[in-house]
Structures are given as structure tokens and as C-alpha cells.
């Protein structure tokens, strides 16, 4: 199969949650949350993402796409698209947009069920959301590959 790592990103106004897949592309685990003081100061954020890409030898990036629940595109979508273009330019990697609408809700639920105190949740929420985004993409890729095999 693939044998390449994929980086998953949950891009927020002050944070970027980061996840990485295993080399076979089956599972995603949350790595870290990159924080910045100013929404528009992204130099260190890009540098950190580039360092993680090198460290994990990632060959693709999956970026959470923040559509509204009613399927409209808000202000965050424009910022995410600009972030995607900058990532592609800087890293030379393909950046795939992946619907992130349920990722934060799912992360919050997992943390609540795990009895993580509310004030501690924000420490984990972004990297977990990144893991949910990436896992959704990996599951879809795996499902698509299985569908293809059964058609052949």
C-alpha cells in the first residue's frame, strides 16, 4: 500500500492542531498544538510545520476545511484557503482540504467522556481535532481502495 506519512492540520485563528498518520496510513495520532499570539503572524507556524514534515518524512498534508453546518462558506474558509496556498508554496506538497465540521465536536465528546477537566480540554482539543480530520481522510482513502478492489 502507501507507506507514506500524512500530516493533518486543524487551522484556527490562534492555534494549529497537528496530527500524523502511521507509515501505512491506517491511523492518525495527535502530535501537538502550535500556538501564536497574532492570527496573521504565521512565520513560526509555517517553520514548525515544515520541521514536522521533515521529521516525519510526510508526503501529503490534509487540512481541515471549516464549512458552516449549513454548508455555506464563512470568513474562516477564505483564511484556510490562503493558508493552504502558502503551505503548498512553502512545502511543495499536495494539500488536501477535508471537511472538519464534526471534528471539534467529536474531540470535545471524547475529552468529556475521558473526564478531562474543562480547563484542561483546550490543551488537547486542537491536536485531537487534527487527528479526527486526518482519520476521516485515511478511512475514506482505505474505503475507496477497498471499493476499487471489489470492482476489479
Protein backbone atom coordinates (compact mmCIF):
# COMPACT_ATOMS: atom_id res chain seq x y z
CA UNK A 1 0.00 0.00 0.00
CA UNK A 2 1.07 3.64 0.53
CA UNK A 3 3.85 3.60 3.10
CA UNK A 4 3.97 7.35 3.49
CA UNK A 5 3.07 9.58 6.36
CA UNK A 6 0.45 12.27 6.08
CA UNK A 7 0.24 15.36 8.28
CA UNK A 8 -3.22 16.51 9.41
CA UNK A 9 -3.83 20.15 10.37
CA UNK A 10 -6.67 21.88 12.19
CA UNK A 11 -6.13 25.56 11.37
CA UNK A 12 -7.61 28.01 13.86
CA UNK A 13 -7.29 31.73 14.48
CA UNK A 14 -4.63 31.33 17.22
CA UNK A 15 -3.67 27.65 17.01
CA UNK A 16 -2.89 24.88 14.55
CA UNK A 17 -3.56 21.36 15.76
CA UNK A 18 -1.17 18.84 14.20
CA UNK A 19 -1.61 15.09 13.72
CA UNK A 20 0.38 12.49 11.80
CA UNK A 21 -0.53 9.15 10.27
CA UNK A 22 1.35 5.94 10.80
CA UNK A 23 3.59 4.97 7.82
CA UNK A 24 0.91 2.66 6.39
CA UNK A 25 -1.79 5.31 6.51
CA UNK A 26 -4.19 3.47 8.83
CA UNK A 27 -4.24 5.55 11.99
CA UNK A 28 -3.84 9.19 12.95
CA UNK A 29 -2.47 10.42 16.25
CA UNK A 30 -2.42 13.95 17.59
CA UNK A 31 1.09 15.40 17.78
CA UNK A 32 0.95 18.92 19.13
CA UNK A 33 -0.76 22.29 19.04
CA UNK A 34 1.18 25.19 17.55
CA UNK A 35 0.10 28.48 19.11
CA UNK A 36 0.65 32.06 18.01
CA UNK A 37 -0.20 35.37 19.63
CA UNK A 38 -1.41 37.10 16.49
CA UNK A 39 -3.69 35.48 13.91
CA UNK A 40 -1.73 36.90 10.99
CA UNK A 41 1.80 36.16 12.26
CA UNK A 42 2.38 32.75 10.71
CA UNK A 43 6.14 32.63 10.06
CA UNK A 44 6.94 30.45 13.10
CA UNK A 45 3.84 28.33 12.46
CA UNK A 46 4.99 27.56 8.90
CA UNK A 47 8.53 26.87 10.11
CA UNK A 48 7.27 24.39 12.72
CA UNK A 49 5.03 22.61 10.20
CA UNK A 50 7.97 22.38 7.78
CA UNK A 51 10.14 20.90 10.55
CA UNK A 52 7.47 18.27 11.34
CA UNK A 53 7.13 17.39 7.65
CA UNK A 54 10.89 16.75 7.51
CA UNK A 55 10.94 14.88 10.82
CA UNK A 56 8.11 12.52 9.81
CA UNK A 57 9.01 12.49 6.09
CA UNK A 58 5.41 13.38 5.28
CA UNK A 59 4.35 13.32 1.66
CA UNK A 60 0.95 15.00 1.92
CA UNK A 61 -0.99 17.41 4.13
CA UNK A 62 -4.68 17.12 5.00
CA UNK A 63 -6.10 20.46 6.10
CA UNK A 64 -9.41 20.83 7.89
CA UNK A 65 -11.92 22.74 5.77
CA UNK A 66 -14.19 24.82 8.03
CA UNK A 67 -17.52 24.96 6.22
CA UNK A 68 -20.52 26.08 8.26
CA UNK A 69 -23.03 23.44 9.32
CA UNK A 70 -25.47 24.70 6.67
CA UNK A 71 -22.78 24.11 4.00
CA UNK A 72 -22.05 27.82 3.46
CA UNK A 73 -18.53 29.19 3.48
CA UNK A 74 -17.67 31.83 6.05
CA UNK A 75 -14.68 34.04 6.77
CA UNK A 76 -12.61 31.10 8.10
CA UNK A 77 -12.82 29.38 4.71
CA UNK A 78 -11.03 32.28 2.99
CA UNK A 79 -8.28 32.25 5.62
CA UNK A 80 -7.96 28.47 5.31
CA UNK A 81 -7.64 28.68 1.52
CA UNK A 82 -4.89 31.31 1.88
CA UNK A 83 -3.15 29.05 4.44
CA UNK A 84 -3.45 26.10 2.01
CA UNK A 85 -1.85 28.09 -0.83
CA UNK A 86 1.01 29.24 1.40
CA UNK A 87 1.62 25.67 2.61
CA UNK A 88 1.73 24.34 -0.95
CA UNK A 89 4.12 27.09 -1.97
CA UNK A 90 6.42 26.58 1.02
CA UNK A 91 6.42 22.78 1.26
CA UNK A 92 5.86 21.70 -2.35
CA UNK A 93 3.40 19.09 -1.01
CA UNK A 94 -0.17 18.44 -2.05
CA UNK A 95 -2.61 19.93 0.48
CA UNK A 96 -5.99 18.19 0.55
CA UNK A 97 -8.96 20.00 2.08
CA UNK A 98 -11.10 17.79 4.32
CA UNK A 99 -14.48 18.67 5.85
CA UNK A 100 -13.81 19.33 9.53
CA UNK A 101 -17.34 20.15 10.66
CA UNK A 102 -17.64 17.37 13.22
CA UNK A 103 -14.01 17.14 14.35
CA UNK A 104 -14.13 19.64 17.23
CA UNK A 105 -17.48 18.28 18.45
CA UNK A 106 -16.12 14.72 18.36
CA UNK A 107 -12.92 15.79 20.16
CA UNK A 108 -14.90 17.58 22.86
CA UNK A 109 -17.07 14.49 23.39
CA UNK A 110 -14.05 12.17 23.71
CA UNK A 111 -12.45 14.51 26.24
CA UNK A 112 -15.68 14.79 28.26
CA UNK A 113 -16.11 11.00 28.27
CA UNK A 114 -12.50 10.71 29.37
CA UNK A 115 -13.32 13.02 32.31
CA UNK A 116 -10.79 15.62 31.23
CA UNK A 117 -11.48 18.82 33.19
CA UNK A 118 -12.97 21.64 31.11
CA UNK A 119 -9.99 23.98 31.64
CA UNK A 120 -7.60 21.23 30.52
CA UNK A 121 -9.57 20.39 27.37
CA UNK A 122 -8.30 23.29 25.32
CA UNK A 123 -4.78 21.89 25.75
CA UNK A 124 -5.82 18.80 23.77
CA UNK A 125 -8.74 19.86 21.60
CA UNK A 126 -6.81 21.19 18.57
CA UNK A 127 -4.42 18.28 18.14
CA UNK A 128 -7.32 15.86 18.68
CA UNK A 129 -9.41 17.71 16.10
CA UNK A 130 -6.45 17.40 13.70
CA UNK A 131 -6.36 13.65 14.41
CA UNK A 132 -10.12 13.34 13.71
CA UNK A 133 -9.70 15.26 10.43
CA UNK A 134 -6.80 13.07 9.35
CA UNK A 135 -8.50 9.84 10.47
CA UNK A 136 -11.59 10.75 8.43
CA UNK A 137 -9.42 11.20 5.36
CA UNK A 138 -7.48 7.96 5.97
CA UNK A 139 -10.70 5.98 6.46
CA UNK A 140 -12.11 7.42 3.26
CA UNK A 141 -8.93 6.52 1.32
CA UNK A 142 -9.00 2.99 2.73
CA UNK A 143 -12.71 2.60 1.91
CA UNK A 144 -12.16 3.90 -1.64
CA UNK A 145 -9.30 1.45 -2.18
CA UNK A 146 -11.48 -1.45 -0.98
CA UNK A 147 -14.33 -0.37 -3.29
CA UNK A 148 -11.93 -0.27 -6.22
CA UNK A 149 -10.56 -3.75 -5.46
CA UNK A 150 -14.05 -5.25 -5.26
CA UNK A 151 -14.91 -3.73 -8.66
CA UNK A 152 -11.85 -5.22 -10.39
